[in-house]
């Protein structure tokens, strides 16, 4: 995130008041991101626990992976106040590379004996589809909320 160019027109914005903190005006979106992450991860955890017998290790792994994927999507989203649909998410190749490396390392963790150390298990392909779809839905909700927040300003 530190390597991306500043938003266009950022120098035309009024500066924050001295008594305002860095998160002033951002708390709603921060809370929304946390709630969305929790709902998606816990929802998938409960889904796996209720549909797959003896599935506690798998449910924990799905919840962890969901949080990781959701946070990677949020890293794309939070680099601008505008919805990301108005510019390419591939604009910052360093961020894209960091996300790709993070996800690759996580997949290696899930598919190698190292997973035993962290008590994670491989995720079946159909669950990957559900996981990615749920994360994408949460991401779209977050982006829609950003768009609505920008429209009201």
C-alpha atoms as a PDB file:
ATOM      1  CA  UNK A   1       0.000   0.000   0.000  1.00  0.00           C
ATOM      2  CA  UNK A   2       2.885   2.379   0.695  1.00  0.00           C
ATOM      3  CA  UNK A   3       4.100   2.105  -2.903  1.00  0.00           C
ATOM      4  CA  UNK A   4       0.879   3.134  -4.634  1.00  0.00           C
ATOM      5  CA  UNK A   5       0.504   6.664  -5.984  1.00  0.00           C
ATOM      6  CA  UNK A   6      -1.793   8.967  -4.019  1.00  0.00           C
ATOM      7  CA  UNK A   7      -5.378   9.376  -5.093  1.00  0.00           C
ATOM      8  CA  UNK A   8      -6.014  11.917  -7.813  1.00  0.00           C
ATOM      9  CA  UNK A   9      -7.031  15.248  -6.266  1.00  0.00           C
ATOM     10  CA  UNK A  10      -5.831  14.318  -2.773  1.00  0.00           C
ATOM     11  CA  UNK A  11      -4.004  17.638  -2.412  1.00  0.00           C
ATOM     12  CA  UNK A  12      -7.251  19.524  -3.088  1.00  0.00           C
ATOM     13  CA  UNK A  13      -8.881  17.979   0.006  1.00  0.00           C
ATOM     14  CA  UNK A  14      -9.119  20.089   3.093  1.00  0.00           C
ATOM     15  CA  UNK A  15      -6.700  18.989   5.820  1.00  0.00           C
ATOM     16  CA  UNK A  16      -8.031  17.266   8.905  1.00  0.00           C
ATOM     17  CA  UNK A  17      -8.573  19.409  11.961  1.00  0.00           C
ATOM     18  CA  UNK A  18      -5.782  19.161  14.525  1.00  0.00           C
ATOM     19  CA  UNK A  19      -8.061  17.509  17.073  1.00  0.00           C
ATOM     20  CA  UNK A  20      -9.231  14.801  14.649  1.00  0.00           C
ATOM     21  CA  UNK A  21      -7.472  11.457  14.732  1.00  0.00           C
ATOM     22  CA  UNK A  22      -6.411   9.449  11.719  1.00  0.00           C
ATOM     23  CA  UNK A  23      -9.563   7.288  11.919  1.00  0.00           C
ATOM     24  CA  UNK A  24     -12.031  10.170  12.253  1.00  0.00           C
ATOM     25  CA  UNK A  25     -14.810   9.541   9.763  1.00  0.00           C
ATOM     26  CA  UNK A  26     -13.557   6.008   9.081  1.00  0.00           C
ATOM     27  CA  UNK A  27     -15.007   4.168  12.083  1.00  0.00           C
ATOM     28  CA  UNK A  28     -18.201   3.141  10.297  1.00  0.00           C
ATOM     29  CA  UNK A  29     -16.255   1.459   7.509  1.00  0.00           C
ATOM     30  CA  UNK A  30     -13.787  -0.147   9.927  1.00  0.00           C
ATOM     31  CA  UNK A  31     -16.622  -1.626  11.961  1.00  0.00           C
ATOM     32  CA  UNK A  32     -18.444  -2.741   8.817  1.00  0.00           C
ATOM     33  CA  UNK A  33     -15.298  -4.506   7.565  1.00  0.00           C
ATOM     34  CA  UNK A  34     -14.883  -6.324  10.881  1.00  0.00           C
ATOM     35  CA  UNK A  35     -18.525  -7.336  11.058  1.00  0.00           C
ATOM     36  CA  UNK A  36     -18.545  -8.559   7.453  1.00  0.00           C
ATOM     37  CA  UNK A  37     -15.374 -10.572   8.052  1.00  0.00           C
ATOM     38  CA  UNK A  38     -16.840 -12.139  11.203  1.00  0.00           C
ATOM     39  CA  UNK A  39     -20.189 -12.932   9.579  1.00  0.00           C
ATOM     40  CA  UNK A  40     -18.595 -14.552   6.528  1.00  0.00           C
ATOM     41  CA  UNK A  41     -15.976 -16.548   8.501  1.00  0.00           C
ATOM     42  CA  UNK A  42     -18.332 -17.669  11.276  1.00  0.00           C
ATOM     43  CA  UNK A  43     -21.101 -18.401   8.780  1.00  0.00           C
ATOM     44  CA  UNK A  44     -18.816 -20.741   6.844  1.00  0.00           C
ATOM     45  CA  UNK A  45     -17.547 -22.270  10.096  1.00  0.00           C
ATOM     46  CA  UNK A  46     -21.111 -23.112  11.157  1.00  0.00           C
ATOM     47  CA  UNK A  47     -21.968 -24.344   7.652  1.00  0.00           C
ATOM     48  CA  UNK A  48     -19.037 -26.773   7.613  1.00  0.00           C
ATOM     49  CA  UNK A  49     -19.711 -27.953  11.190  1.00  0.00           C
ATOM     50  CA  UNK A  50     -23.362 -28.708  10.389  1.00  0.00           C
ATOM     51  CA  UNK A  51     -22.860 -30.329   6.971  1.00  0.00           C
ATOM     52  CA  UNK A  52     -19.635 -32.319   7.348  1.00  0.00           C
ATOM     53  CA  UNK A  53     -19.358 -34.979  10.091  1.00  0.00           C
ATOM     54  CA  UNK A  54     -16.351 -34.719  12.452  1.00  0.00           C
ATOM     55  CA  UNK A  55     -15.361 -31.479  10.784  1.00  0.00           C
ATOM     56  CA  UNK A  56     -13.873 -29.263  13.499  1.00  0.00           C
ATOM     57  CA  UNK A  57     -10.361 -29.117  11.913  1.00  0.00           C
ATOM     58  CA  UNK A  58     -11.875 -28.402   8.493  1.00  0.00           C
ATOM     59  CA  UNK A  59     -14.255 -25.773   9.897  1.00  0.00           C
ATOM     60  CA  UNK A  60     -11.379 -23.996  11.670  1.00  0.00           C
ATOM     61  CA  UNK A  61      -9.288 -24.108   8.497  1.00  0.00           C
ATOM     62  CA  UNK A  62     -12.152 -22.707   6.415  1.00  0.00           C
ATOM     63  CA  UNK A  63     -12.719 -19.883   8.930  1.00  0.00           C
ATOM     64  CA  UNK A  64      -8.998 -19.020   8.962  1.00  0.00           C
ATOM     65  CA  UNK A  65      -8.738 -19.129   5.175  1.00  0.00           C
ATOM     66  CA  UNK A  66     -11.892 -17.057   4.816  1.00  0.00           C
ATOM     67  CA  UNK A  67     -10.419 -14.367   7.047  1.00  0.00           C
ATOM     68  CA  UNK A  68      -7.149 -14.372   5.104  1.00  0.00           C
ATOM     69  CA  UNK A  69      -8.861 -14.124   1.708  1.00  0.00           C
ATOM     70  CA  UNK A  70     -11.276 -11.459   2.965  1.00  0.00           C
ATOM     71  CA  UNK A  71      -8.394  -9.377   4.344  1.00  0.00           C
ATOM     72  CA  UNK A  72      -6.563  -9.656   1.023  1.00  0.00           C
ATOM     73  CA  UNK A  73      -9.655  -8.300  -0.737  1.00  0.00           C
ATOM     74  CA  UNK A  74      -9.926  -5.510   1.825  1.00  0.00           C
ATOM     75  CA  UNK A  75      -6.311  -4.539   1.159  1.00  0.00           C
ATOM     76  CA  UNK A  76      -7.358  -3.868  -2.430  1.00  0.00           C
ATOM     77  CA  UNK A  77     -10.423  -1.959  -1.261  1.00  0.00           C
ATOM     78  CA  UNK A  78      -8.855   0.247   1.370  1.00  0.00           C
ATOM     79  CA  UNK A  79      -6.210   1.761  -0.867  1.00  0.00           C
ATOM     80  CA  UNK A  80      -8.782   4.319  -2.044  1.00  0.00           C
ATOM     81  CA  UNK A  81     -11.910   5.969  -0.664  1.00  0.00           C
ATOM     82  CA  UNK A  82     -13.620   5.481  -4.014  1.00  0.00           C
ATOM     83  CA  UNK A  83     -15.085   2.097  -4.966  1.00  0.00           C
ATOM     84  CA  UNK A  84     -12.396  -0.004  -6.657  1.00  0.00           C
ATOM     85  CA  UNK A  85     -14.592  -0.554  -9.696  1.00  0.00           C
ATOM     86  CA  UNK A  86     -13.523   2.844 -11.045  1.00  0.00           C
ATOM     87  CA  UNK A  87      -9.856   1.896 -11.452  1.00  0.00           C
ATOM     88  CA  UNK A  88      -7.859  -1.248 -12.012  1.00  0.00           C
ATOM     89  CA  UNK A  89      -7.021  -3.251  -8.870  1.00  0.00           C
ATOM     90  CA  UNK A  90      -3.892  -4.306 -10.764  1.00  0.00           C
ATOM     91  CA  UNK A  91      -2.595  -0.717 -10.694  1.00  0.00           C
ATOM     92  CA  UNK A  92      -0.326  -1.476  -7.737  1.00  0.00           C
ATOM     93  CA  UNK A  93       1.666  -4.497  -8.892  1.00  0.00           C
ATOM     94  CA  UNK A  94       3.472  -4.694  -5.544  1.00  0.00           C
ATOM     95  CA  UNK A  95       0.179  -5.115  -3.701  1.00  0.00           C
ATOM     96  CA  UNK A  96      -0.991  -7.724  -6.219  1.00  0.00           C
ATOM     97  CA  UNK A  97       2.344  -9.555  -5.797  1.00  0.00           C
ATOM     98  CA  UNK A  98       2.086  -9.431  -1.992  1.00  0.00           C
ATOM     99  CA  UNK A  99      -1.462 -10.820  -2.135  1.00  0.00           C
ATOM    100  CA  UNK A 100      -0.411 -13.576  -4.555  1.00  0.00           C
ATOM    101  CA  UNK A 101       2.555 -14.536  -2.344  1.00  0.00           C
ATOM    102  CA  UNK A 102       0.395 -14.548   0.783  1.00  0.00           C
ATOM    103  CA  UNK A 103      -2.241 -16.762  -0.797  1.00  0.00           C
ATOM    104  CA  UNK A 104       0.375 -19.079  -2.297  1.00  0.00           C
ATOM    105  CA  UNK A 105       2.065 -19.492   1.087  1.00  0.00           C
ATOM    106  CA  UNK A 106      -1.288 -20.223   2.705  1.00  0.00           C
ATOM    107  CA  UNK A 107      -2.141 -22.840   0.068  1.00  0.00           C
ATOM    108  CA  UNK A 108       1.284 -24.429   0.612  1.00  0.00           C
ATOM    109  CA  UNK A 109       0.577 -24.511   4.340  1.00  0.00           C
ATOM    110  CA  UNK A 110      -2.724 -26.288   3.713  1.00  0.00           C
ATOM    111  CA  UNK A 111      -1.268 -28.827   1.307  1.00  0.00           C
ATOM    112  CA  UNK A 112       2.015 -29.792   2.988  1.00  0.00           C
ATOM    113  CA  UNK A 113       2.906 -31.601   6.216  1.00  0.00           C
ATOM    114  CA  UNK A 114       3.575 -28.168   7.732  1.00  0.00           C
ATOM    115  CA  UNK A 115      -0.201 -27.952   8.095  1.00  0.00           C
ATOM    116  CA  UNK A 116       0.000 -30.548  10.866  1.00  0.00           C
ATOM    117  CA  UNK A 117       2.024 -28.137  12.969  1.00  0.00           C
ATOM    118  CA  UNK A 118      -0.641 -25.451  12.611  1.00  0.00           C
ATOM    119  CA  UNK A 119      -3.529 -27.952  12.804  1.00  0.00           C
ATOM    120  CA  UNK A 120      -4.966 -27.011   9.421  1.00  0.00           C
ATOM    121  CA  UNK A 121      -6.254 -29.405   6.800  1.00  0.00           C
ATOM    122  CA  UNK A 122      -6.681 -29.248   3.012  1.00  0.00           C
ATOM    123  CA  UNK A 123      -9.940 -27.647   1.880  1.00  0.00           C
ATOM    124  CA  UNK A 124     -11.980 -29.621  -0.688  1.00  0.00           C
ATOM    125  CA  UNK A 125     -12.469 -27.833  -4.018  1.00  0.00           C
ATOM    126  CA  UNK A 126     -16.272 -27.313  -3.636  1.00  0.00           C
ATOM    127  CA  UNK A 127     -15.641 -25.552  -0.316  1.00  0.00           C
ATOM    128  CA  UNK A 128     -13.046 -23.325  -1.991  1.00  0.00           C
ATOM    129  CA  UNK A 129     -15.757 -22.178  -4.395  1.00  0.00           C
ATOM    130  CA  UNK A 130     -18.138 -21.434  -1.541  1.00  0.00           C
ATOM    131  CA  UNK A 131     -15.395 -19.694   0.445  1.00  0.00           C
ATOM    132  CA  UNK A 132     -14.300 -17.488  -2.460  1.00  0.00           C
ATOM    133  CA  UNK A 133     -17.910 -16.685  -3.350  1.00  0.00           C
ATOM    134  CA  UNK A 134     -18.722 -15.693   0.239  1.00  0.00           C
ATOM    135  CA  UNK A 135     -15.599 -13.512   0.471  1.00  0.00           C
ATOM    136  CA  UNK A 136     -16.430 -11.864  -2.832  1.00  0.00           C
ATOM    137  CA  UNK A 137     -20.006 -11.204  -1.657  1.00  0.00           C
ATOM    138  CA  UNK A 138     -18.675  -9.568   1.528  1.00  0.00           C
ATOM    139  CA  UNK A 139     -16.236  -7.530  -0.550  1.00  0.00           C
ATOM    140  CA  UNK A 140     -19.049  -6.342  -2.842  1.00  0.00           C
ATOM    141  CA  UNK A 141     -21.141  -5.343   0.187  1.00  0.00           C
ATOM    142  CA  UNK A 142     -18.178  -3.355   1.534  1.00  0.00           C
ATOM    143  CA  UNK A 143     -17.606  -1.673  -1.825  1.00  0.00           C
ATOM    144  CA  UNK A 144     -21.310  -0.830  -2.109  1.00  0.00           C
ATOM    145  CA  UNK A 145     -21.186   0.728   1.364  1.00  0.00           C
ATOM    146  CA  UNK A 146     -18.170   2.802   0.265  1.00  0.00           C
ATOM    147  CA  UNK A 147     -20.069   3.947  -2.804  1.00  0.00           C
ATOM    148  CA  UNK A 148     -23.131   4.901  -0.693  1.00  0.00           C
ATOM    149  CA  UNK A 149     -20.911   6.725   1.829  1.00  0.00           C
ATOM    150  CA  UNK A 150     -19.246   8.694  -0.986  1.00  0.00           C
ATOM    151  CA  UNK A 151     -22.618   9.578  -2.536  1.00  0.00           C
ATOM    152  CA  UNK A 152     -23.840  11.007   0.776  1.00  0.00           C
ATOM    153  CA  UNK A 153     -20.836  13.360   1.087  1.00  0.00           C
END
